[in-house]
Amino acid sequence: MKEAINEIANTSNKSNDISDDVRAFNIFQNPEDGAGTITVKKYKPLEEILSELKKINGKDYFPHAKQIIDIFNNHRAKKVAPNNETVDDKPHLLIVGGFIRDLLLNKKPKDIDFTTDLELKEIEKLLSENFSKELTNQAISLDETGKAQGVIRIKFRDDKKENIEEYEIASFRKDSDEGDGRRPNSVELIKVPGIDAQRRDFTINSLMYNPQSNNIIDYAGGLKDLADKKLRFVGNPEKRITEDKSRALRYIRFLFKTNFSEDKDAKEAIKKMAGEVSQLNSEMIIKELKATIDVAGNNLGKILEYYKEFGLLEKILPEISNLENCPQGAPYHMEGDVLKHTIMVTNNLPANSSLELFLAATMHDIAKPDTRNEDTDKTVSFHNHDRLGAEKVVPILKRLKLPNKSQEKIIELIANHIKIFLFLQMKNSKAVEMAKSPHFKDQITLLQADNNATQPADKKVQAQTNEMIEKIIERYQKIIDEQKKFSVEKEAVKKATNGNKIIQLFQAIHGHKPLGKNIGIIEAEIKELIDEENIIDKTIAQEKLQEIITNFKE
């Protein structure tokens, strides 16, 4: 195997074009060996790659990668050859996965993962011997949590003992056919990289780079798929998904990440196995959804469309899928059914929206099927769908096992997505209370997305709503500016009218101390008055407090 690759390494011309300077070789005759052919592309030396990254980004990228490569390069192990002679054997070390893919897509790589023919105990021994001093003073640590899967991670730390750089080094391995739908029950360590490539998810992630020969080695058709901009599983899609159900969700994420076209076989396999995919633990489903949101840009509605097209939506979020069966209509929603409207709303969210905002937009009309009413004149209404929706999402959010704070935010955004229209009519104290919510900016964002996804029968209605939204934003900004200006003064005034002052004044006016519950009532009333009238003068505040206590009925 090494001899074949070394022979290929003699080819010339380093090219950035994916399809340039590519040669194919028949290597394995037995399909079980991992490939019938390999394709090899001459590429740049690693030093040149890292130098270019430094020029572009102004900092060193993967500064310890060369050190790790040199350690493996200089290592020799005594092995007995087939002719019974003892020879010095040099380990085979390759870079695998996203690093090569991202380089060929002209993107900045996030990490470097290595794969080698050494067994885990040999990798650990080699690193321990060469980094003994650093391991002792904790400048480096070896993470063995992936040991059962044939993986070790080396972590480099700064002076504060913070991890600043991490590399994964894995033995060439073959997964067992049995597993829990996420990981194999066991892995078999092997000596052939082609077999290791066949266990990976997508062809574009199975590419390997030899830092000695500067060759990119392709065992699964990844170079062609990069050139064709097509996202394919390695080998049989159904088998890949059976090995790890989360690969179905990852496939959707990578459609966004790469902007590649979908593969027919991949789509059919995901649709066929959607029910099994939905049985993944909720944490994994949410983790993949969040990662997809992070790469989807301002095209978040496409996530729901993909989930629907690939059969995942009805299995993971059947309550959202069912919105397709709820028609809308005049006077406010001529754009189509509730699901179509929901997709349009999420598509109007800005890039980098939070998971909570995305889910609130996805679920904001979840109670419309329960509240739909159609009058004799064909007008359609959904009274109280906001209030009922906030109740209906509770078991869904619990099922998804979101953190409590995330659940609370989503519920608040849904509960207030109609109430926010009353913001302009609220008393100042109520408006201040609503505006001071840490989620109010997202509430406005949801309002804007909802309105932009609404197509009323009378176009004047949308213009009027736009004008109202502008006024809501103006009042919100005014409140925030006032809060910043008066916050210090108001807090000082509120402290001057606290419980002790209330007790003192009450006793002076009524001749006895107030009941404990009445202290709270009076304190709430004076605080509301301070906020409502923006009182920042202690004397005025105490006069108002005296008036409240004088008129207080026990």
Protein backbone atom coordinates (compact mmCIF):
# COMPACT_ATOMS: atom_id res chain seq x y z
CA MET A 1 0.00 0.00 0.00
CA LYS A 2 2.72 2.48 0.97
CA GLU A 3 4.73 1.60 -2.12
CA ALA A 4 1.78 2.37 -4.39
CA ILE A 5 1.26 5.75 -2.77
CA ASN A 6 4.96 6.56 -2.93
CA GLU A 7 4.95 5.83 -6.64
CA ILE A 8 2.01 8.18 -7.11
CA ALA A 9 3.82 10.88 -5.13
CA ASN A 10 6.23 11.34 -8.05
CA THR A 11 3.53 13.12 -10.10
CA SER A 12 4.04 16.88 -10.52
CA ASN A 13 2.09 20.17 -10.71
CA LYS A 14 0.54 21.48 -7.51
CA SER A 15 -2.93 22.80 -8.35
CA ASN A 16 -5.77 24.42 -6.45
CA ASP A 17 -8.34 23.23 -8.96
CA ILE A 18 -10.05 20.13 -7.64
CA SER A 19 -10.11 18.34 -10.98
CA ASP A 20 -6.51 19.18 -12.01
CA ASP A 21 -3.57 16.78 -11.74
CA VAL A 22 -5.65 13.80 -10.62
CA ARG A 23 -4.64 10.19 -11.30
CA ALA A 24 -6.56 7.00 -10.58
CA PHE A 25 -4.95 3.67 -9.63
CA ASN A 26 -6.29 0.15 -9.22
CA ILE A 27 -5.04 -0.92 -5.81
CA PHE A 28 -7.28 -3.53 -4.20
CA GLN A 29 -8.66 -6.51 -5.99
CA ASN A 30 -10.82 -7.61 -3.05
CA PRO A 31 -13.78 -5.23 -2.42
CA GLU A 32 -13.51 -5.96 1.29
CA ASP A 33 -10.13 -4.23 1.28
CA GLY A 34 -11.90 -0.87 1.06
CA ALA A 35 -11.73 0.25 -2.58
CA GLY A 36 -11.25 -0.97 -6.12
CA THR A 37 -9.36 2.20 -7.01
CA ILE A 38 -7.89 5.21 -5.36
CA THR A 39 -7.66 8.68 -6.84
CA VAL A 40 -4.67 10.85 -5.99
CA LYS A 41 -4.21 14.57 -6.44
CA LYS A 42 -0.89 16.36 -6.06
CA TYR A 43 -1.26 19.24 -3.61
CA LYS A 44 0.76 21.83 -1.73
CA PRO A 45 3.20 21.06 1.10
CA LEU A 46 1.69 21.50 4.54
CA GLU A 47 4.19 24.26 5.40
CA GLU A 48 2.93 26.26 2.41
CA ILE A 49 -0.72 25.68 3.38
CA LEU A 50 -0.15 26.85 6.96
CA SER A 51 1.90 29.84 5.77
CA GLU A 52 -0.95 30.94 3.48
CA LEU A 53 -3.46 30.60 6.33
CA LYS A 54 -1.23 32.75 8.52
CA LYS A 55 -1.00 35.47 5.85
CA ILE A 56 -4.78 35.54 5.41
CA ASN A 57 -5.70 35.44 9.09
CA GLY A 58 -2.71 37.12 10.72
CA LYS A 59 -1.91 34.33 13.19
CA ASP A 60 -0.32 30.92 13.34
CA TYR A 61 -2.65 28.09 12.42
CA PHE A 62 -2.09 24.64 13.90
CA PRO A 63 1.43 25.53 15.15
CA HIS A 64 2.02 22.09 16.68
CA ALA A 65 0.86 20.05 13.66
CA LYS A 66 4.34 19.92 12.13
CA GLN A 67 5.80 18.83 15.46
CA ILE A 68 3.38 15.89 15.66
CA ILE A 69 4.09 14.92 12.06
CA ASP A 70 7.87 15.02 12.66
CA ILE A 71 7.52 12.78 15.72
CA PHE A 72 5.74 10.13 13.65
CA ASN A 73 8.11 10.67 10.73
CA ASN A 74 11.21 10.09 12.80
CA HIS A 75 9.83 7.07 14.62
CA ARG A 76 11.03 3.60 13.66
CA ALA A 77 9.76 0.35 15.11
CA LYS A 78 11.40 -3.03 14.78
CA LYS A 79 9.10 -5.34 12.82
CA VAL A 80 9.55 -8.85 11.47
CA ALA A 81 9.08 -8.91 7.69
CA PRO A 82 7.44 -11.86 5.84
CA ASN A 83 10.92 -13.23 5.07
CA ASN A 84 11.59 -13.26 8.85
CA GLU A 85 14.09 -10.40 8.62
CA THR A 86 13.87 -7.65 11.26
CA VAL A 87 13.34 -4.25 9.64
CA ASP A 88 12.79 -0.66 10.75
CA ASP A 89 9.16 0.17 10.10
CA LYS A 90 8.06 3.79 9.65
CA PRO A 91 4.49 4.61 10.73
CA HIS A 92 1.97 5.86 8.23
CA LEU A 93 0.38 9.19 9.30
CA LEU A 94 -2.31 10.98 7.27
CA ILE A 95 -4.49 14.05 7.79
CA VAL A 96 -8.13 13.16 7.27
CA GLY A 97 -11.53 14.80 6.92
CA GLY A 98 -12.62 18.41 7.16
CA PHE A 99 -9.16 19.96 6.84
CA ILE A 100 -8.76 18.73 3.25
CA ARG A 101 -12.39 19.38 2.34
CA ASP A 102 -12.25 22.96 3.55
CA LEU A 103 -8.96 23.69 1.78
CA LEU A 104 -10.38 22.48 -1.53
CA LEU A 105 -13.50 24.60 -0.96
CA ASN A 106 -11.29 27.64 -0.21
CA LYS A 107 -12.58 27.78 3.36
CA LYS A 108 -10.61 28.19 6.57
CA PRO A 109 -10.11 24.76 8.22
CA LYS A 110 -11.16 24.54 11.86
CA ASP A 111 -9.05 21.60 12.94
CA ILE A 112 -6.59 18.90 11.90
CA ASP A 113 -7.38 15.25 12.55
CA PHE A 114 -4.75 12.57 12.03
CA THR A 115 -5.15 8.89 11.28
CA THR A 116 -2.36 6.30 11.46
CA ASP A 117 -1.55 2.62 11.19
CA LEU A 118 -0.15 2.64 14.74
CA GLU A 119 -2.29 1.10 17.45
CA LEU A 120 -3.54 3.29 20.28
CA LYS A 121 -1.00 2.04 22.83
CA GLU A 122 1.80 2.79 20.34
CA ILE A 123 0.43 6.31 19.70
CA GLU A 124 0.20 6.97 23.44
CA LYS A 125 3.74 5.68 24.05
CA LEU A 126 5.15 7.75 21.18
CA LEU A 127 3.51 10.97 22.37
CA SER A 128 4.39 10.33 26.03
CA GLU A 129 8.06 9.83 25.20
CA ASN A 130 8.32 12.92 23.00
CA PHE A 131 6.27 15.23 25.21
CA SER A 132 7.35 13.93 28.63
CA LYS A 133 8.39 17.35 29.95
CA GLU A 134 5.24 19.08 28.68
CA LEU A 135 3.02 16.35 30.11
CA THR A 136 4.74 16.68 33.48
CA ASN A 137 4.22 20.45 33.70
CA GLN A 138 0.70 20.11 32.23
CA ALA A 139 1.44 22.18 29.14
CA ILE A 140 0.04 19.17 27.26
CA SER A 141 -2.53 16.54 28.18
CA LEU A 142 -3.67 13.33 26.53
CA ASP A 143 -7.43 12.77 26.46
CA GLU A 144 -8.32 9.08 26.28
CA THR A 145 -12.11 9.36 26.45
CA GLY A 146 -12.32 8.04 22.87
CA LYS A 147 -10.02 5.10 23.56
CA ALA A 148 -12.73 2.48 22.97
CA GLN A 149 -13.20 3.92 19.48
CA GLY A 150 -9.46 3.96 18.74
CA VAL A 151 -9.07 7.71 19.26
CA ILE A 152 -6.73 9.80 21.42
CA ARG A 153 -6.66 13.60 21.65
CA ILE A 154 -3.60 15.67 22.41
CA LYS A 155 -4.35 19.07 23.94
CA PHE A 156 -1.88 21.94 24.11
CA ARG A 157 -2.38 24.53 26.86
CA ASP A 158 -1.24 28.10 27.39
CA ASP A 159 0.37 29.55 30.53
CA LYS A 160 -3.08 29.74 32.19
CA LYS A 161 -3.59 26.03 31.53
CA GLU A 162 -6.37 26.83 29.07
CA ASN A 163 -6.72 24.53 26.03
CA ILE A 164 -5.61 26.48 22.96
CA GLU A 165 -5.02 23.71 20.45
CA GLU A 166 -6.27 20.16 20.06
CA TYR A 167 -5.55 17.34 17.64
CA GLU A 168 -7.33 14.02 17.26
CA ILE A 169 -5.15 11.05 16.39
CA ALA A 170 -6.95 7.83 15.51
CA SER A 171 -5.82 4.40 14.47
CA PHE A 172 -7.00 3.10 11.10
CA ARG A 173 -10.11 1.22 12.10
CA LYS A 174 -13.10 -0.73 10.95
CA ASP A 175 -16.41 -0.51 12.83
CA SER A 176 -18.35 -3.57 13.90
CA ASP A 177 -21.71 -4.07 12.20
CA GLU A 178 -23.50 -3.93 15.55
CA GLY A 179 -24.05 -0.70 17.46
CA ASP A 180 -26.52 1.52 19.29
CA GLY A 181 -27.37 3.68 16.27
CA ARG A 182 -24.72 6.24 17.23
CA ARG A 183 -21.54 4.25 17.78
CA PRO A 184 -20.36 0.74 16.95
CA ASN A 185 -20.18 -1.80 19.76
CA SER A 186 -16.52 -2.28 18.93
CA VAL A 187 -13.83 -1.24 16.47
CA GLU A 188 -11.17 -3.35 14.82
CA LEU A 189 -7.77 -1.71 14.41
CA ILE A 190 -6.42 -2.25 10.91
CA LYS A 191 -3.41 -1.32 8.77
CA VAL A 192 -5.16 -0.18 5.58
CA PRO A 193 -6.35 3.45 5.24
CA GLY A 194 -8.77 2.57 2.44
CA ILE A 195 -10.91 0.53 4.81
CA ASP A 196 -10.86 3.34 7.34
CA ALA A 197 -12.10 5.73 4.65
CA GLN A 198 -15.10 3.52 3.96
CA ARG A 199 -16.42 3.93 7.53
CA ARG A 200 -16.73 7.72 7.28
CA ASP A 201 -19.95 9.64 6.63
CA PHE A 202 -19.63 11.63 3.39
CA THR A 203 -17.24 11.17 0.51
CA ILE A 204 -15.93 14.73 0.89
CA ASN A 205 -15.06 13.96 4.53
CA SER A 206 -13.17 10.77 3.70
CA LEU A 207 -10.33 12.48 1.83
CA MET A 208 -6.83 11.95 3.24
CA TYR A 209 -3.70 14.05 2.86
CA ASN A 210 -0.18 12.66 3.12
CA PRO A 211 2.06 15.40 4.62
CA GLN A 212 5.14 13.61 3.32
CA SER A 213 4.20 13.27 -0.35
CA ASN A 214 1.75 16.23 -0.39
CA ASN A 215 -0.81 13.99 -2.04
CA ILE A 216 -4.55 14.03 -1.43
CA ILE A 217 -5.74 10.44 -1.45
CA ASP A 218 -9.36 9.64 -2.29
CA TYR A 219 -10.81 6.19 -1.66
CA ALA A 220 -14.51 7.04 -2.02
CA GLY A 221 -15.01 9.53 -4.86
CA GLY A 222 -14.79 12.67 -2.73
CA LEU A 223 -12.70 14.63 -5.23
CA LYS A 224 -15.26 14.10 -7.98
CA ASP A 225 -18.11 15.03 -5.63
CA LEU A 226 -16.28 18.23 -4.67
CA ALA A 227 -15.85 19.08 -8.34
CA ASP A 228 -19.51 18.22 -9.07
CA LYS A 229 -20.71 19.96 -5.88
CA LYS A 230 -22.72 16.93 -4.84
CA LEU A 231 -23.14 15.61 -1.29
CA ARG A 232 -22.99 11.81 -1.13
CA PHE A 233 -22.61 9.26 1.61
CA VAL A 234 -19.63 6.92 1.42
CA GLY A 235 -20.89 3.68 -0.12
CA ASN A 236 -24.40 2.58 0.83
CA PRO A 237 -26.32 5.54 2.40
CA GLU A 238 -28.65 3.27 4.35
CA LYS A 239 -25.72 1.43 5.90
CA ARG A 240 -24.00 4.69 6.86
CA ILE A 241 -27.18 5.96 8.54
CA THR A 242 -27.73 2.62 10.31
CA GLU A 243 -24.24 2.98 11.80
CA ASP A 244 -25.01 6.49 13.09
CA LYS A 245 -28.57 7.84 12.87
CA SER A 246 -27.39 11.42 13.43
CA ARG A 247 -25.78 11.30 9.97
CA ALA A 248 -29.23 11.90 8.48
CA LEU A 249 -29.47 15.24 10.32
CA ARG A 250 -25.83 15.98 9.57
CA TYR A 251 -26.57 15.48 5.88
CA ILE A 252 -29.06 18.38 6.02
CA ARG A 253 -26.50 20.51 7.85
CA PHE A 254 -23.86 19.80 5.22
CA LEU A 255 -26.22 20.76 2.40
CA PHE A 256 -26.18 24.24 3.96
CA LYS A 257 -22.50 24.13 4.92
CA THR A 258 -21.35 23.26 1.39
CA ASN A 259 -24.26 24.57 -0.70
CA PHE A 260 -23.96 21.29 -2.64
CA SER A 261 -26.79 19.54 -4.44
CA GLU A 262 -28.53 16.62 -2.75
CA ASP A 263 -28.02 13.02 -3.81
CA LYS A 264 -31.10 11.01 -4.80
CA ASP A 265 -29.92 7.84 -3.04
CA ALA A 266 -29.11 9.78 0.13
CA LYS A 267 -32.55 11.39 0.16
CA GLU A 268 -34.35 8.08 -0.32
CA ALA A 269 -32.32 6.44 2.45
CA ILE A 270 -33.05 9.27 4.91
CA LYS A 271 -36.77 9.20 4.07
CA LYS A 272 -36.82 5.44 4.55
CA MET A 273 -35.07 5.66 7.92
CA ALA A 274 -36.66 8.88 9.23
CA GLY A 275 -38.60 6.98 11.89
CA GLU A 276 -35.39 5.49 13.29
CA VAL A 277 -33.64 8.87 13.14
CA SER A 278 -36.40 10.38 15.29
CA GLN A 279 -35.48 7.88 18.02
CA LEU A 280 -32.15 9.60 18.58
CA ASN A 281 -31.88 11.18 22.00
CA SER A 282 -33.30 14.70 22.09
CA GLU A 283 -29.95 16.25 22.99
CA MET A 284 -28.43 14.98 19.74
CA ILE A 285 -31.39 16.17 17.65
CA ILE A 286 -31.16 19.65 19.20
CA LYS A 287 -27.37 19.72 18.86
CA GLU A 288 -27.63 19.01 15.12
CA LEU A 289 -30.49 21.48 14.68
CA LYS A 290 -28.50 24.24 16.39
CA ALA A 291 -25.44 23.45 14.27
CA THR A 292 -27.63 23.63 11.15
CA ILE A 293 -29.07 27.00 12.21
CA ASP A 294 -25.51 28.27 12.63
CA VAL A 295 -24.63 27.51 9.00
CA ALA A 296 -27.98 28.21 7.30
CA GLY A 297 -27.48 31.99 7.16
CA ASN A 298 -30.69 33.90 6.52
CA ASN A 299 -32.28 30.89 4.86
CA LEU A 300 -33.59 29.28 8.03
CA GLY A 301 -36.94 28.35 6.55
CA LYS A 302 -35.10 25.98 4.24
CA ILE A 303 -34.27 23.86 7.30
CA LEU A 304 -37.96 23.13 7.77
CA GLU A 305 -38.37 22.54 4.04
CA TYR A 306 -35.48 20.05 3.98
CA TYR A 307 -36.78 18.30 7.10
CA LYS A 308 -40.17 18.00 5.41
CA GLU A 309 -38.80 16.84 2.02
CA PHE A 310 -36.55 14.24 3.68
CA GLY A 311 -39.40 12.89 5.85
CA LEU A 312 -37.85 14.08 9.11
CA LEU A 313 -40.29 16.82 10.13
CA GLU A 314 -43.29 14.55 10.61
CA LYS A 315 -41.20 12.22 12.78
CA ILE A 316 -39.28 14.75 14.86
CA LEU A 317 -41.84 17.58 15.08
CA PRO A 318 -45.18 16.09 13.97
CA GLU A 319 -47.03 19.05 15.51
CA ILE A 320 -45.30 21.36 13.02
CA SER A 321 -45.75 18.99 10.09
CA ASN A 322 -49.51 18.91 10.82
CA LEU A 323 -49.76 22.68 10.32
CA GLU A 324 -49.86 21.90 6.59
CA ASN A 325 -53.42 20.68 7.14
CA CYS A 326 -54.59 24.01 8.57
CA PRO A 327 -55.67 26.42 5.81
CA GLN A 328 -55.64 30.17 6.37
CA GLY A 329 -57.32 32.90 4.36
CA ALA A 330 -58.79 36.39 4.37
CA PRO A 331 -58.45 38.90 5.80
CA TYR A 332 -54.82 38.44 6.94
CA HIS A 333 -53.27 35.29 5.50
CA MET A 334 -53.54 34.81 1.75
CA GLU A 335 -50.05 33.25 1.56
CA GLY A 336 -51.26 29.69 2.19
CA ASP A 337 -51.54 27.16 4.99
CA VAL A 338 -50.01 27.60 8.44
CA LEU A 339 -46.93 25.50 7.63
CA LYS A 340 -46.21 27.59 4.56
CA HIS A 341 -46.59 30.74 6.65
CA THR A 342 -44.31 29.26 9.34
CA ILE A 343 -41.59 28.48 6.77
CA MET A 344 -41.89 32.05 5.46
CA VAL A 345 -41.58 33.44 9.00
CA THR A 346 -38.40 31.45 9.70
CA ASN A 347 -37.03 32.53 6.32
CA ASN A 348 -37.46 36.14 7.42
CA LEU A 349 -35.35 35.65 10.55
CA PRO A 350 -31.85 37.15 10.39
CA ALA A 351 -28.73 35.03 10.04
CA ASN A 352 -27.19 33.89 13.33
CA SER A 353 -30.60 33.74 15.02
CA SER A 354 -30.59 31.79 18.26
CA LEU A 355 -32.01 28.29 18.59
CA GLU A 356 -34.72 29.72 20.87
CA LEU A 357 -35.80 32.37 18.36
CA PHE A 358 -35.88 29.79 15.55
CA LEU A 359 -38.03 27.40 17.60
CA ALA A 360 -40.32 30.23 18.72
CA ALA A 361 -40.83 31.21 15.08
CA THR A 362 -41.36 27.56 14.17
CA MET A 363 -43.96 27.04 16.91
CA HIS A 364 -45.55 30.50 17.24
CA ASP A 365 -48.73 29.42 15.40
CA ILE A 366 -48.82 25.86 16.69
CA ALA A 367 -52.30 26.33 18.20
CA LYS A 368 -53.94 27.67 15.04
CA PRO A 369 -55.48 24.28 14.15
CA ASP A 370 -57.14 24.26 17.59
CA THR A 371 -58.50 27.82 17.33
CA ARG A 372 -59.44 28.08 13.66
CA ASN A 373 -62.82 29.62 12.93
CA GLU A 374 -64.29 30.34 9.50
CA ASP A 375 -67.28 32.67 9.26
CA THR A 376 -70.02 32.53 6.66
CA ASP A 377 -68.25 35.28 4.70
CA LYS A 378 -65.17 33.00 4.46
CA THR A 379 -63.05 35.14 6.80
CA VAL A 380 -60.73 33.02 8.95
CA SER A 381 -59.66 33.81 12.51
CA PHE A 382 -57.54 32.15 15.21
CA HIS A 383 -58.53 33.89 18.44
CA ASN A 384 -56.30 33.19 21.47
CA HIS A 385 -53.92 30.99 19.46
CA ASP A 386 -51.02 32.87 21.09
CA ARG A 387 -52.14 32.04 24.64
CA LEU A 388 -53.05 28.43 23.81
CA GLY A 389 -49.85 28.05 21.79
CA ALA A 390 -47.74 29.02 24.81
CA GLU A 391 -49.44 26.18 26.70
CA LYS A 392 -49.27 23.68 23.85
CA VAL A 393 -45.50 23.97 23.36
CA VAL A 394 -44.70 23.07 26.98
CA PRO A 395 -44.75 19.25 26.52
CA ILE A 396 -42.95 19.58 23.17
CA LEU A 397 -40.12 21.59 24.70
CA LYS A 398 -39.88 19.11 27.57
CA ARG A 399 -39.73 16.28 25.02
CA LEU A 400 -36.85 18.07 23.31
CA LYS A 401 -35.16 18.38 26.73
CA LEU A 402 -34.23 22.01 26.25
CA PRO A 403 -32.74 23.85 29.25
CA ASN A 404 -35.36 25.54 31.45
CA LYS A 405 -34.21 29.05 30.49
CA SER A 406 -34.52 28.20 26.79
CA GLN A 407 -38.01 26.82 27.36
CA GLU A 408 -39.05 29.94 29.26
CA LYS A 409 -37.77 32.20 26.48
CA ILE A 410 -39.60 30.29 23.75
CA ILE A 411 -42.84 30.27 25.73
CA GLU A 412 -42.56 34.01 26.39
CA LEU A 413 -41.95 34.80 22.71
CA ILE A 414 -44.96 32.73 21.66
CA ALA A 415 -47.25 34.06 24.41
CA ASN A 416 -46.43 37.68 23.50
CA HIS A 417 -46.33 37.51 19.71
CA ILE A 418 -49.81 39.07 19.50
CA LYS A 419 -49.71 40.95 22.81
CA ILE A 420 -46.79 43.03 21.54
CA PHE A 421 -49.27 44.97 19.37
CA LEU A 422 -50.70 46.38 22.63
CA PHE A 423 -47.27 47.77 23.55
CA LEU A 424 -48.19 51.20 22.18
CA GLN A 425 -51.34 51.43 24.33
CA MET A 426 -49.73 50.23 27.58
CA LYS A 427 -49.19 52.48 30.56
CA ASN A 428 -45.54 53.43 30.90
CA SER A 429 -44.94 51.07 33.83
CA LYS A 430 -46.35 48.09 31.91
CA ALA A 431 -44.46 49.01 28.76
CA VAL A 432 -41.26 49.38 30.78
CA GLU A 433 -41.82 45.96 32.35
CA MET A 434 -42.29 44.36 28.92
CA ALA A 435 -39.38 46.25 27.32
CA LYS A 436 -37.02 45.28 30.14
CA SER A 437 -37.42 41.60 29.30
CA PRO A 438 -34.06 40.25 28.06
CA HIS A 439 -36.01 38.69 25.17
CA PHE A 440 -37.82 41.81 23.94
CA LYS A 441 -35.40 42.42 21.05
CA ASP A 442 -36.11 38.90 19.82
CA GLN A 443 -39.82 39.61 20.35
CA ILE A 444 -39.54 42.52 17.91
CA THR A 445 -37.51 40.36 15.48
CA LEU A 446 -40.22 37.69 15.59
CA LEU A 447 -42.88 40.36 15.04
CA GLN A 448 -41.06 41.69 11.98
CA ALA A 449 -40.53 38.20 10.54
CA ASP A 450 -44.18 37.31 11.17
CA ASN A 451 -45.42 40.47 9.49
CA ASN A 452 -43.10 40.07 6.48
CA ALA A 453 -44.48 36.54 6.02
CA THR A 454 -48.08 37.75 6.09
CA GLN A 455 -49.96 38.54 2.89
CA PRO A 456 -53.28 40.22 3.82
CA ALA A 457 -56.11 40.54 1.32
CA ASP A 458 -55.87 44.32 1.68
CA LYS A 459 -52.28 45.44 1.11
CA LYS A 460 -52.95 48.58 3.14
CA VAL A 461 -53.13 46.39 6.24
CA GLN A 462 -49.49 45.35 5.94
CA ALA A 463 -48.41 48.97 5.40
CA GLN A 464 -50.32 49.95 8.55
CA THR A 465 -48.72 47.10 10.47
CA ASN A 466 -45.27 48.17 9.29
CA GLU A 467 -45.97 51.66 10.56
CA MET A 468 -47.11 50.24 13.90
CA ILE A 469 -43.94 48.14 14.19
CA GLU A 470 -41.81 51.22 13.57
CA LYS A 471 -43.64 53.00 16.41
CA ILE A 472 -43.14 49.96 18.68
CA ILE A 473 -39.41 50.06 17.96
CA GLU A 474 -39.35 53.83 18.61
CA ARG A 475 -41.10 53.46 21.96
CA TYR A 476 -38.87 50.56 22.93
CA GLN A 477 -35.74 52.57 22.12
CA LYS A 478 -37.09 55.57 24.02
CA ILE A 479 -37.76 53.39 27.08
CA ILE A 480 -34.29 51.87 26.93
CA ASP A 481 -32.68 55.31 26.63
CA GLU A 482 -34.74 56.59 29.57
CA GLN A 483 -33.92 53.52 31.61
CA LYS A 484 -30.22 54.06 31.08
CA LYS A 485 -30.57 57.72 31.99
CA PHE A 486 -32.73 57.27 35.07
CA SER A 487 -31.69 53.84 36.32
CA VAL A 488 -29.18 55.10 38.90
CA GLU A 489 -31.42 57.95 40.11
CA LYS A 490 -34.52 55.77 40.25
CA GLU A 491 -32.80 53.05 42.26
CA ALA A 492 -31.67 55.65 44.81
CA VAL A 493 -35.23 56.98 45.04
CA LYS A 494 -36.67 53.48 45.44
CA LYS A 495 -34.24 52.76 48.27
CA ALA A 496 -35.43 55.96 49.99
CA THR A 497 -38.98 54.58 49.89
CA ASN A 498 -38.21 51.03 50.98
CA GLY A 499 -39.86 48.92 53.66
CA ASN A 500 -38.28 50.70 56.65
CA LYS A 501 -39.45 54.10 55.41
CA ILE A 502 -42.95 52.69 54.79
CA ILE A 503 -43.16 51.32 58.34
CA GLN A 504 -41.95 54.62 59.79
CA LEU A 505 -44.43 56.76 57.80
CA PHE A 506 -47.32 54.34 58.31
CA GLN A 507 -46.87 54.35 62.09
CA ALA A 508 -46.65 58.17 62.10
CA ILE A 509 -49.87 58.50 60.06
CA HIS A 510 -51.99 55.60 61.36
CA GLY A 511 -50.53 55.17 64.84
CA HIS A 512 -49.45 51.55 64.35
CA LYS A 513 -47.16 49.45 62.16
CA PRO A 514 -48.59 48.01 58.92
CA LEU A 515 -49.16 44.29 58.37
CA GLY A 516 -46.35 42.55 56.49
CA LYS A 517 -48.44 41.95 53.37
CA ASN A 518 -49.48 45.62 53.30
CA ILE A 519 -45.85 46.73 53.29
CA GLY A 520 -45.39 44.76 50.06
CA ILE A 521 -48.54 46.24 48.50
CA ILE A 522 -47.48 49.82 49.34
CA GLU A 523 -43.91 49.22 48.16
CA ALA A 524 -45.13 47.81 44.82
CA GLU A 525 -47.44 50.81 44.37
CA ILE A 526 -44.75 53.45 45.02
CA LYS A 527 -42.27 51.64 42.76
CA GLU A 528 -44.83 51.53 39.96
CA LEU A 529 -45.47 55.24 40.43
CA ILE A 530 -41.74 56.02 40.34
CA ASP A 531 -41.41 54.10 37.06
CA GLU A 532 -44.62 55.52 35.61
CA GLU A 533 -43.76 59.16 36.33
CA ASN A 534 -39.96 58.79 36.12
CA ILE A 535 -39.52 60.25 39.59
CA ILE A 536 -35.86 60.90 40.37
CA ASP A 537 -36.32 63.36 43.23
CA LYS A 538 -36.35 61.76 46.71
CA THR A 539 -38.47 64.55 48.22
CA ILE A 540 -41.16 64.13 45.57
CA ALA A 541 -41.05 60.37 45.98
CA GLN A 542 -41.49 60.59 49.74
CA GLU A 543 -44.43 63.01 49.26
CA LYS A 544 -46.04 60.48 46.89
CA LEU A 545 -45.39 57.71 49.42
CA GLN A 546 -46.98 59.75 52.21
CA GLU A 547 -50.04 60.29 50.00
CA ILE A 548 -50.32 56.57 49.24
CA ILE A 549 -50.05 55.63 52.93
CA THR A 550 -52.54 58.32 53.99
CA ASN A 551 -55.15 56.98 51.56
CA PHE A 552 -54.34 53.33 52.22
CA LYS A 553 -57.31 51.24 53.34
CA GLU A 554 -56.41 48.34 55.63
